[in-house]
Amino acid sequence: MKKFLWTLTITGALGAYAYSKRDEILKYLIQKMIAFDQTVEQTTDYLAKVEKVKENVAKFSAELKASEPVINSLTQEIENYREQVEPLAKEIQAKLPQQNN
């Protein structure tokens, strides 16, 4: 019986203490809920931004693949131009008078 009364007293004391602190506890819990809601909103915003970046990357990748034939063609034209210009450059350089240092 003593144990029961002791348990009842402690439980009652804890209950009375919690009841007296209810406003502080509620305030704390509300602050935590608000912080959690803000975190959820920030995470949602971040996920939306990540999705937008993924879309942009997919678009850029598609554009890059579509431009690949043009890039290859330009590369080939530059290579052909180089093959034509190099002999001319060597010929012009050979015709220039040698300068003494």
PDB file of N, CA and C in Angstrom:
ATOM      1  N   MET A   1       0.821  -1.183   0.000  1.00  0.00           N
ATOM      2  CA  MET A   1       0.000   0.000   0.000  1.00  0.00           C
ATOM      3  C   MET A   1       0.873   1.257   0.000  1.00  0.00           C
ATOM      4  N   LYS A   2       1.993   1.159   0.750  1.00  0.00           N
ATOM      5  CA  LYS A   2       2.897   2.290   0.799  1.00  0.00           C
ATOM      6  C   LYS A   2       3.462   2.589  -0.588  1.00  0.00           C
ATOM      7  N   LYS A   3       3.797   1.500  -1.311  1.00  0.00           N
ATOM      8  CA  LYS A   3       4.346   1.648  -2.644  1.00  0.00           C
ATOM      9  C   LYS A   3       3.318   2.308  -3.561  1.00  0.00           C
ATOM     10  N   PHE A   4       2.085   1.888  -3.432  1.00  0.00           N
ATOM     11  CA  PHE A   4       1.003   2.443  -4.246  1.00  0.00           C
ATOM     12  C   PHE A   4       0.825   3.930  -3.954  1.00  0.00           C
ATOM     13  N   LEU A   5       0.822   4.296  -2.691  1.00  0.00           N
ATOM     14  CA  LEU A   5       0.671   5.704  -2.319  1.00  0.00           C
ATOM     15  C   LEU A   5       1.868   6.530  -2.801  1.00  0.00           C
ATOM     16  N   TRP A   6       3.031   5.935  -2.668  1.00  0.00           N
ATOM     17  CA  TRP A   6       4.243   6.620  -3.135  1.00  0.00           C
ATOM     18  C   TRP A   6       4.165   6.846  -4.646  1.00  0.00           C
ATOM     19  N   THR A   7       3.775   5.828  -5.402  1.00  0.00           N
ATOM     20  CA  THR A   7       3.627   5.934  -6.860  1.00  0.00           C
ATOM     21  C   THR A   7       2.558   6.958  -7.207  1.00  0.00           C
ATOM     22  N   LEU A   8       1.448   6.925  -6.492  1.00  0.00           N
ATOM     23  CA  LEU A   8       0.357   7.869  -6.726  1.00  0.00           C
ATOM     24  C   LEU A   8       0.802   9.302  -6.433  1.00  0.00           C
ATOM     25  N   THR A   9       1.577   9.479  -5.382  1.00  0.00           N
ATOM     26  CA  THR A   9       2.068  10.808  -5.015  1.00  0.00           C
ATOM     27  C   THR A   9       3.024  11.344  -6.081  1.00  0.00           C
ATOM     28  N   ILE A  10       3.948  10.489  -6.511  1.00  0.00           N
ATOM     29  CA  ILE A  10       4.910  10.910  -7.542  1.00  0.00           C
ATOM     30  C   ILE A  10       4.186  11.226  -8.846  1.00  0.00           C
ATOM     31  N   THR A  11       3.254  10.360  -9.232  1.00  0.00           N
ATOM     32  CA  THR A  11       2.488  10.582 -10.463  1.00  0.00           C
ATOM     33  C   THR A  11       1.683  11.869 -10.362  1.00  0.00           C
ATOM     34  N   GLY A  12       1.071  12.082  -9.219  1.00  0.00           N
ATOM     35  CA  GLY A  12       0.301  13.313  -9.009  1.00  0.00           C
ATOM     36  C   GLY A  12       1.189  14.544  -9.059  1.00  0.00           C
ATOM     37  N   ALA A  13       2.361  14.440  -8.451  1.00  0.00           N
ATOM     38  CA  ALA A  13       3.294  15.574  -8.445  1.00  0.00           C
ATOM     39  C   ALA A  13       3.772  15.877  -9.857  1.00  0.00           C
ATOM     40  N   LEU A  14       4.089  14.813 -10.601  1.00  0.00           N
ATOM     41  CA  LEU A  14       4.515  15.015 -11.990  1.00  0.00           C
ATOM     42  C   LEU A  14       3.390  15.609 -12.828  1.00  0.00           C
ATOM     43  N   GLY A  15       2.181  15.116 -12.597  1.00  0.00           N
ATOM     44  CA  GLY A  15       1.020  15.649 -13.312  1.00  0.00           C
ATOM     45  C   GLY A  15       0.785  17.109 -12.977  1.00  0.00           C
ATOM     46  N   ALA A  16       0.891  17.451 -11.699  1.00  0.00           N
ATOM     47  CA  ALA A  16       0.692  18.838 -11.278  1.00  0.00           C
ATOM     48  C   ALA A  16       1.781  19.736 -11.864  1.00  0.00           C
ATOM     49  N   TYR A  17       3.019  19.232 -11.879  1.00  0.00           N
ATOM     50  CA  TYR A  17       4.120  20.002 -12.454  1.00  0.00           C
ATOM     51  C   TYR A  17       3.905  20.211 -13.953  1.00  0.00           C
ATOM     52  N   ALA A  18       3.551  19.134 -14.659  1.00  0.00           N
ATOM     53  CA  ALA A  18       3.299  19.233 -16.099  1.00  0.00           C
ATOM     54  C   ALA A  18       2.133  20.177 -16.372  1.00  0.00           C
ATOM     55  N   TYR A  19       1.110  20.118 -15.530  1.00  0.00           N
ATOM     56  CA  TYR A  19      -0.052  20.996 -15.711  1.00  0.00           C
ATOM     57  C   TYR A  19       0.347  22.454 -15.497  1.00  0.00           C
ATOM     58  N   SER A  20       1.219  22.691 -14.523  1.00  0.00           N
ATOM     59  CA  SER A  20       1.650  24.071 -14.265  1.00  0.00           C
ATOM     60  C   SER A  20       2.552  24.592 -15.395  1.00  0.00           C
ATOM     61  N   LYS A  21       3.202  23.690 -16.088  1.00  0.00           N
ATOM     62  CA  LYS A  21       4.105  24.072 -17.177  1.00  0.00           C
ATOM     63  C   LYS A  21       3.444  23.917 -18.550  1.00  0.00           C
ATOM     64  N   ARG A  22       2.134  23.676 -18.579  1.00  0.00           N
ATOM     65  CA  ARG A  22       1.455  23.374 -19.843  1.00  0.00           C
ATOM     66  C   ARG A  22       1.619  24.485 -20.874  1.00  0.00           C
ATOM     67  N   ASP A  23       1.555  25.739 -20.438  1.00  0.00           N
ATOM     68  CA  ASP A  23       1.694  26.850 -21.383  1.00  0.00           C
ATOM     69  C   ASP A  23       3.089  26.858 -22.019  1.00  0.00           C
ATOM     70  N   GLU A  24       4.101  26.628 -21.191  1.00  0.00           N
ATOM     71  CA  GLU A  24       5.468  26.576 -21.714  1.00  0.00           C
ATOM     72  C   GLU A  24       5.650  25.375 -22.640  1.00  0.00           C
ATOM     73  N   ILE A  25       5.082  24.243 -22.249  1.00  0.00           N
ATOM     74  CA  ILE A  25       5.177  23.033 -23.072  1.00  0.00           C
ATOM     75  C   ILE A  25       4.468  23.248 -24.404  1.00  0.00           C
ATOM     76  N   LEU A  26       3.270  23.818 -24.360  1.00  0.00           N
ATOM     77  CA  LEU A  26       2.532  24.090 -25.597  1.00  0.00           C
ATOM     78  C   LEU A  26       3.291  25.078 -26.481  1.00  0.00           C
ATOM     79  N   LYS A  27       3.854  26.111 -25.870  1.00  0.00           N
ATOM     80  CA  LYS A  27       4.625  27.096 -26.622  1.00  0.00           C
ATOM     81  C   LYS A  27       5.815  26.422 -27.305  1.00  0.00           C
ATOM     82  N   TYR A  28       6.517  25.569 -26.554  1.00  0.00           N
ATOM     83  CA  TYR A  28       7.661  24.845 -27.101  1.00  0.00           C
ATOM     84  C   TYR A  28       7.229  23.942 -28.255  1.00  0.00           C
ATOM     85  N   LEU A  29       6.148  23.196 -28.054  1.00  0.00           N
ATOM     86  CA  LEU A  29       5.672  22.292 -29.101  1.00  0.00           C
ATOM     87  C   LEU A  29       5.223  23.058 -30.346  1.00  0.00           C
ATOM     88  N   ILE A  30       4.572  24.186 -30.150  1.00  0.00           N
ATOM     89  CA  ILE A  30       4.134  25.005 -31.289  1.00  0.00           C
ATOM     90  C   ILE A  30       5.348  25.543 -32.048  1.00  0.00           C
ATOM     91  N   GLN A  31       6.370  25.981 -31.317  1.00  0.00           N
ATOM     92  CA  GLN A  31       7.591  26.457 -31.974  1.00  0.00           C
ATOM     93  C   GLN A  31       8.226  25.343 -32.803  1.00  0.00           C
ATOM     94  N   LYS A  32       8.258  24.149 -32.242  1.00  0.00           N
ATOM     95  CA  LYS A  32       8.839  23.016 -32.963  1.00  0.00           C
ATOM     96  C   LYS A  32       8.001  22.666 -34.193  1.00  0.00           C
ATOM     97  N   MET A  33       6.673  22.745 -34.073  1.00  0.00           N
ATOM     98  CA  MET A  33       5.799  22.464 -35.215  1.00  0.00           C
ATOM     99  C   MET A  33       6.001  23.504 -36.316  1.00  0.00           C
ATOM    100  N   ILE A  34       6.138  24.768 -35.926  1.00  0.00           N
ATOM    101  CA  ILE A  34       6.373  25.832 -36.907  1.00  0.00           C
ATOM    102  C   ILE A  34       7.718  25.610 -37.605  1.00  0.00           C
ATOM    103  N   ALA A  35       8.737  25.287 -36.821  1.00  0.00           N
ATOM    104  CA  ALA A  35      10.056  25.020 -37.404  1.00  0.00           C
ATOM    105  C   ALA A  35       9.991  23.830 -38.359  1.00  0.00           C
ATOM    106  N   PHE A  36       9.245  22.805 -37.976  1.00  0.00           N
ATOM    107  CA  PHE A  36       9.093  21.632 -38.837  1.00  0.00           C
ATOM    108  C   PHE A  36       8.376  22.011 -40.127  1.00  0.00           C
ATOM    109  N   ASP A  37       7.301  22.807 -40.026  1.00  0.00           N
ATOM    110  CA  ASP A  37       6.574  23.248 -41.220  1.00  0.00           C
ATOM    111  C   ASP A  37       7.485  24.056 -42.141  1.00  0.00           C
ATOM    112  N   GLN A  38       8.312  24.927 -41.559  1.00  0.00           N
ATOM    113  CA  GLN A  38       9.241  25.711 -42.372  1.00  0.00           C
ATOM    114  C   GLN A  38      10.250  24.803 -43.067  1.00  0.00           C
ATOM    115  N   THR A  39      10.713  23.794 -42.351  1.00  0.00           N
ATOM    116  CA  THR A  39      11.652  22.847 -42.940  1.00  0.00           C
ATOM    117  C   THR A  39      10.997  22.093 -44.090  1.00  0.00           C
ATOM    118  N   VAL A  40       9.750  21.694 -43.896  1.00  0.00           N
ATOM    119  CA  VAL A  40       9.022  20.996 -44.960  1.00  0.00           C
ATOM    120  C   VAL A  40       8.873  21.909 -46.176  1.00  0.00           C
ATOM    121  N   GLU A  41       8.537  23.177 -45.947  1.00  0.00           N
ATOM    122  CA  GLU A  41       8.390  24.129 -47.054  1.00  0.00           C
ATOM    123  C   GLU A  41       9.720  24.338 -47.775  1.00  0.00           C
ATOM    124  N   GLN A  42      10.795  24.479 -47.013  1.00  0.00           N
ATOM    125  CA  GLN A  42      12.109  24.663 -47.625  1.00  0.00           C
ATOM    126  C   GLN A  42      12.505  23.432 -48.435  1.00  0.00           C
ATOM    127  N   THR A  43      12.221  22.260 -47.889  1.00  0.00           N
ATOM    128  CA  THR A  43      12.537  21.026 -48.600  1.00  0.00           C
ATOM    129  C   THR A  43      11.722  20.924 -49.881  1.00  0.00           C
ATOM    130  N   THR A  44      10.451  21.295 -49.807  1.00  0.00           N
ATOM    131  CA  THR A  44       9.594  21.269 -50.989  1.00  0.00           C
ATOM    132  C   THR A  44      10.117  22.242 -52.039  1.00  0.00           C
ATOM    133  N   ASP A  45      10.498  23.443 -51.612  1.00  0.00           N
ATOM    134  CA  ASP A  45      11.071  24.425 -52.539  1.00  0.00           C
ATOM    135  C   ASP A  45      12.356  23.893 -53.165  1.00  0.00           C
ATOM    136  N   TYR A  46      13.196  23.284 -52.338  1.00  0.00           N
ATOM    137  CA  TYR A  46      14.456  22.731 -52.828  1.00  0.00           C
ATOM    138  C   TYR A  46      14.196  21.630 -53.845  1.00  0.00           C
ATOM    139  N   LEU A  47      13.235  20.759 -53.553  1.00  0.00           N
ATOM    140  CA  LEU A  47      12.914  19.686 -54.491  1.00  0.00           C
ATOM    141  C   LEU A  47      12.391  20.238 -55.807  1.00  0.00           C
ATOM    142  N   ALA A  48      11.598  21.303 -55.743  1.00  0.00           N
ATOM    143  CA  ALA A  48      11.101  21.932 -56.969  1.00  0.00           C
ATOM    144  C   ALA A  48      12.269  22.493 -57.784  1.00  0.00           C
ATOM    145  N   LYS A  49      13.226  23.106 -57.100  1.00  0.00           N
ATOM    146  CA  LYS A  49      14.402  23.640 -57.793  1.00  0.00           C
ATOM    147  C   LYS A  49      15.226  22.513 -58.410  1.00  0.00           C
ATOM    148  N   VAL A  50      15.366  21.420 -57.689  1.00  0.00           N
ATOM    149  CA  VAL A  50      16.117  20.276 -58.210  1.00  0.00           C
ATOM    150  C   VAL A  50      15.434  19.730 -59.463  1.00  0.00           C
ATOM    151  N   GLU A  51      14.112  19.631 -59.443  1.00  0.00           N
ATOM    152  CA  GLU A  51      13.371  19.152 -60.614  1.00  0.00           C
ATOM    153  C   GLU A  51      13.574  20.094 -61.797  1.00  0.00           C
ATOM    154  N   LYS A  52      13.577  21.395 -61.534  1.00  0.00           N
ATOM    155  CA  LYS A  52      13.790  22.383 -62.593  1.00  0.00           C
ATOM    156  C   LYS A  52      15.183  22.209 -63.195  1.00  0.00           C
ATOM    157  N   VAL A  53      16.178  21.993 -62.333  1.00  0.00           N
ATOM    158  CA  VAL A  53      17.543  21.776 -62.818  1.00  0.00           C
ATOM    159  C   VAL A  53      17.606  20.503 -63.655  1.00  0.00           C
ATOM    160  N   LYS A  54      16.930  19.451 -63.209  1.00  0.00           N
ATOM    161  CA  LYS A  54      16.903  18.206 -63.980  1.00  0.00           C
ATOM    162  C   LYS A  54      16.297  18.437 -65.359  1.00  0.00           C
ATOM    163  N   GLU A  55      15.210  19.208 -65.410  1.00  0.00           N
ATOM    164  CA  GLU A  55      14.580  19.518 -66.693  1.00  0.00           C
ATOM    165  C   GLU A  55      15.540  20.297 -67.587  1.00  0.00           C
ATOM    166  N   ASN A  56      16.221  21.281 -67.004  1.00  0.00           N
ATOM    167  CA  ASN A  56      17.172  22.077 -67.784  1.00  0.00           C
ATOM    168  C   ASN A  56      18.329  21.226 -68.297  1.00  0.00           C
ATOM    169  N   VAL A  57      18.802  20.308 -67.467  1.00  0.00           N
ATOM    170  CA  VAL A  57      19.886  19.418 -67.887  1.00  0.00           C
ATOM    171  C   VAL A  57      19.413  18.528 -69.031  1.00  0.00           C
ATOM    172  N   ALA A  58      18.197  18.016 -68.929  1.00  0.00           N
ATOM    173  CA  ALA A  58      17.658  17.171 -69.994  1.00  0.00           C
ATOM    174  C   ALA A  58      17.526  17.963 -71.294  1.00  0.00           C
ATOM    175  N   LYS A  59      17.047  19.206 -71.198  1.00  0.00           N
ATOM    176  CA  LYS A  59      16.925  20.054 -72.394  1.00  0.00           C
ATOM    177  C   LYS A  59      18.301  20.326 -72.999  1.00  0.00           C
ATOM    178  N   PHE A  60      19.259  20.677 -72.148  1.00  0.00           N
ATOM    179  CA  PHE A  60      20.605  20.975 -72.635  1.00  0.00           C
ATOM    180  C   PHE A  60      21.220  19.745 -73.286  1.00  0.00           C
ATOM    181  N   SER A  61      21.017  18.592 -72.677  1.00  0.00           N
ATOM    182  CA  SER A  61      21.545  17.350 -73.235  1.00  0.00           C
ATOM    183  C   SER A  61      20.938  17.074 -74.609  1.00  0.00           C
ATOM    184  N   ALA A  62      19.630  17.277 -74.728  1.00  0.00           N
ATOM    185  CA  ALA A  62      18.963  17.066 -76.016  1.00  0.00           C
ATOM    186  C   ALA A  62      19.484  18.051 -77.059  1.00  0.00           C
ATOM    187  N   GLU A  63      19.658  19.313 -76.662  1.00  0.00           N
ATOM    188  CA  GLU A  63      20.184  20.315 -77.592  1.00  0.00           C
ATOM    189  C   GLU A  63      21.613  19.980 -78.009  1.00  0.00           C
ATOM    190  N   LEU A  64      22.398  19.503 -77.064  1.00  0.00           N
ATOM    191  CA  LEU A  64      23.775  19.142 -77.366  1.00  0.00           C
ATOM    192  C   LEU A  64      23.829  17.972 -78.341  1.00  0.00           C
ATOM    193  N   LYS A  65      22.984  16.970 -78.110  1.00  0.00           N
ATOM    194  CA  LYS A  65      22.932  15.829 -79.027  1.00  0.00           C
ATOM    195  C   LYS A  65      22.452  16.264 -80.405  1.00  0.00           C
ATOM    196  N   ALA A  66      21.490  17.189 -80.435  1.00  0.00           N
ATOM    197  CA  ALA A  66      20.976  17.671 -81.716  1.00  0.00           C
ATOM    198  C   ALA A  66      22.033  18.480 -82.465  1.00  0.00           C
ATOM    199  N   SER A  67      22.899  19.175 -81.742  1.00  0.00           N
ATOM    200  CA  SER A  67      23.918  20.001 -82.391  1.00  0.00           C
ATOM    201  C   SER A  67      25.185  19.219 -82.726  1.00  0.00           C
ATOM    202  N   GLU A  68      25.258  17.981 -82.332  1.00  0.00           N
ATOM    203  CA  GLU A  68      26.456  17.181 -82.568  1.00  0.00           C
ATOM    204  C   GLU A  68      26.823  17.092 -84.050  1.00  0.00           C
ATOM    205  N   PRO A  69      25.866  16.860 -84.972  1.00  0.00           N
ATOM    206  CA  PRO A  69      26.239  16.822 -86.391  1.00  0.00           C
ATOM    207  C   PRO A  69      26.822  18.153 -86.883  1.00  0.00           C
ATOM    208  N   VAL A  70      26.266  19.255 -86.403  1.00  0.00           N
ATOM    209  CA  VAL A  70      26.777  20.571 -86.803  1.00  0.00           C
ATOM    210  C   VAL A  70      28.198  20.756 -86.279  1.00  0.00           C
ATOM    211  N   ILE A  71      28.416  20.379 -85.037  1.00  0.00           N
ATOM    212  CA  ILE A  71      29.753  20.505 -84.441  1.00  0.00           C
ATOM    213  C   ILE A  71      30.750  19.635 -85.195  1.00  0.00           C
ATOM    214  N   ASN A  72      30.346  18.420 -85.520  1.00  0.00           N
ATOM    215  CA  ASN A  72      31.232  17.525 -86.272  1.00  0.00           C
ATOM    216  C   ASN A  72      31.544  18.103 -87.649  1.00  0.00           C
ATOM    217  N   SER A  73      30.535  18.677 -88.298  1.00  0.00           N
ATOM    218  CA  SER A  73      30.731  19.284 -89.617  1.00  0.00           C
ATOM    219  C   SER A  73      31.705  20.456 -89.535  1.00  0.00           C
ATOM    220  N   LEU A  74      31.509  21.315 -88.532  1.00  0.00           N
ATOM    221  CA  LEU A  74      32.417  22.454 -88.356  1.00  0.00           C
ATOM    222  C   LEU A  74      33.837  21.988 -88.047  1.00  0.00           C
ATOM    223  N   THR A  75      33.953  20.963 -87.243  1.00  0.00           N
ATOM    224  CA  THR A  75      35.270  20.417 -86.919  1.00  0.00           C
ATOM    225  C   THR A  75      35.952  19.918 -88.184  1.00  0.00           C
ATOM    226  N   GLN A  76      35.197  19.244 -89.030  1.00  0.00           N
ATOM    227  CA  GLN A  76      35.753  18.735 -90.284  1.00  0.00           C
ATOM    228  C   GLN A  76      36.166  19.885 -91.204  1.00  0.00           C
ATOM    229  N   GLU A  77      35.345  20.932 -91.265  1.00  0.00           N
ATOM    230  CA  GLU A  77      35.687  22.095 -92.095  1.00  0.00           C
ATOM    231  C   GLU A  77      36.961  22.765 -91.595  1.00  0.00           C
ATOM    232  N   ILE A  78      37.089  22.885 -90.291  1.00  0.00           N
ATOM    233  CA  ILE A  78      38.298  23.484 -89.712  1.00  0.00           C
ATOM    234  C   ILE A  78      39.515  22.625 -90.031  1.00  0.00           C
ATOM    235  N   GLU A  79      39.356  21.325 -89.935  1.00  0.00           N
ATOM    236  CA  GLU A  79      40.451  20.402 -90.248  1.00  0.00           C
ATOM    237  C   GLU A  79      40.857  20.546 -91.718  1.00  0.00           C
ATOM    238  N   ASN A  80      39.876  20.632 -92.604  1.00  0.00           N
ATOM    239  CA  ASN A  80      40.168  20.811 -94.033  1.00  0.00           C
ATOM    240  C   ASN A  80      40.879  22.143 -94.272  1.00  0.00           C
ATOM    241  N   TYR A  81      40.411  23.187 -93.614  1.00  0.00           N
ATOM    242  CA  TYR A  81      41.026  24.504 -93.747  1.00  0.00           C
ATOM    243  C   TYR A  81      42.473  24.460 -93.265  1.00  0.00           C
ATOM    244  N   ARG A  82      42.702  23.787 -92.150  1.00  0.00           N
ATOM    245  CA  ARG A  82      44.067  23.662 -91.616  1.00  0.00           C
ATOM    246  C   ARG A  82      44.969  22.943 -92.613  1.00  0.00           C
ATOM    247  N   GLU A  83      44.439  21.887 -93.213  1.00  0.00           N
ATOM    248  CA  GLU A  83      45.232  21.133 -94.187  1.00  0.00           C
ATOM    249  C   GLU A  83      45.584  21.992 -95.400  1.00  0.00           C
ATOM    250  N   GLN A  84      44.713  22.942 -95.745  1.00  0.00           N
ATOM    251  CA  GLN A  84      44.985  23.829 -96.877  1.00  0.00           C
ATOM    252  C   GLN A  84      45.941  24.952 -96.486  1.00  0.00           C
ATOM    253  N   VAL A  85      45.825  25.443 -95.288  1.00  0.00           N
ATOM    254  CA  VAL A  85      46.600  26.611 -94.866  1.00  0.00           C
ATOM    255  C   VAL A  85      48.028  26.248 -94.467  1.00  0.00           C
ATOM    256  N   GLU A  86      48.238  25.095 -93.867  1.00  0.00           N
ATOM    257  CA  GLU A  86      49.578  24.730 -93.396  1.00  0.00           C
ATOM    258  C   GLU A  86      50.619  24.752 -94.518  1.00  0.00           C
ATOM    259  N   PRO A  87      50.343  24.143 -95.669  1.00  0.00           N
ATOM    260  CA  PRO A  87      51.357  24.211 -96.734  1.00  0.00           C
ATOM    261  C   PRO A  87      51.617  25.653 -97.195  1.00  0.00           C
ATOM    262  N   LEU A  88      50.548  26.457 -97.260  1.00  0.00           N
ATOM    263  CA  LEU A  88      50.725  27.855 -97.655  1.00  0.00           C
ATOM    264  C   LEU A  88      51.572  28.600 -96.630  1.00  0.00           C
ATOM    265  N   ALA A  89      51.332  28.352 -95.373  1.00  0.00           N
ATOM    266  CA  ALA A  89      52.108  29.007 -94.319  1.00  0.00           C
ATOM    267  C   ALA A  89      53.579  28.615 -94.411  1.00  0.00           C
ATOM    268  N   LYS A  90      53.860  27.353 -94.676  1.00  0.00           N
ATOM    269  CA  LYS A  90      55.248  26.899 -94.813  1.00  0.00           C
ATOM    270  C   LYS A  90      55.897  27.542 -96.035  1.00  0.00           C
ATOM    271  N   GLU A  91      55.132  27.640 -97.110  1.00  0.00           N
ATOM    272  CA  GLU A  91      55.648  28.247 -98.340  1.00  0.00           C
ATOM    273  C   GLU A  91      55.973  29.722 -98.120  1.00  0.00           C
ATOM    274  N   ILE A  92      55.069  30.439 -97.462  1.00  0.00           N
ATOM    275  CA  ILE A  92      55.295  31.859 -97.185  1.00  0.00           C
ATOM    276  C   ILE A  92      56.482  32.034 -96.253  1.00  0.00           C
ATOM    277  N   GLN A  93      56.586  31.187 -95.261  1.00  0.00           N
ATOM    278  CA  GLN A  93      57.691  31.281 -94.310  1.00  0.00           C
ATOM    279  C   GLN A  93      59.022  31.015 -95.012  1.00  0.00           C
ATOM    280  N   ALA A  94      59.017  30.097 -95.963  1.00  0.00           N
ATOM    281  CA  ALA A  94      60.249  29.790 -96.687  1.00  0.00           C
ATOM    282  C   ALA A  94      60.665  30.966 -97.568  1.00  0.00           C
ATOM    283  N   LYS A  95      59.717  31.714 -98.084  1.00  0.00           N
ATOM    284  CA  LYS A  95      60.013  32.849 -98.963  1.00  0.00           C
ATOM    285  C   LYS A  95      60.485  34.081 -98.190  1.00  0.00           C
ATOM    286  N   LEU A  96      60.181  34.152 -96.917  1.00  0.00           N
ATOM    287  CA  LEU A  96      60.600  35.305 -96.122  1.00  0.00           C
ATOM    288  C   LEU A  96      62.111  35.298 -95.963  1.00  0.00           C
ATOM    289  N   PRO A  97      62.730  36.482 -96.012  1.00  0.00           N
ATOM    290  CA  PRO A  97      64.192  36.514 -95.832  1.00  0.00           C
ATOM    291  C   PRO A  97      64.554  36.117 -94.400  1.00  0.00           C
ATOM    292  N   GLN A  98      65.633  35.408 -94.293  1.00  0.00           N
ATOM    293  CA  GLN A  98      66.107  34.994 -92.976  1.00  0.00           C
ATOM    294  C   GLN A  98      66.679  36.213 -92.269  1.00  0.00           C
ATOM    295  N   GLN A  99      66.260  36.426 -91.037  1.00  0.00           N
ATOM    296  CA  GLN A  99      66.770  37.556 -90.260  1.00  0.00           C
ATOM    297  C   GLN A  99      67.881  37.066 -89.350  1.00  0.00           C
ATOM    298  N   ASN A 100      68.946  37.841 -89.284  1.00  0.00           N
ATOM    299  CA  ASN A 100      70.054  37.496 -88.392  1.00  0.00           C
ATOM    300  C   ASN A 100      69.767  38.072 -87.020  1.00  0.00           C
ATOM    301  N   ASN A 101      70.026  37.283 -86.011  1.00  0.00           N
ATOM    302  CA  ASN A 101      69.799  37.749 -84.640  1.00  0.00           C
ATOM    303  C   ASN A 101      71.004  38.420 -84.104  1.00  0.00           C
TER     304      ASN A 101
END
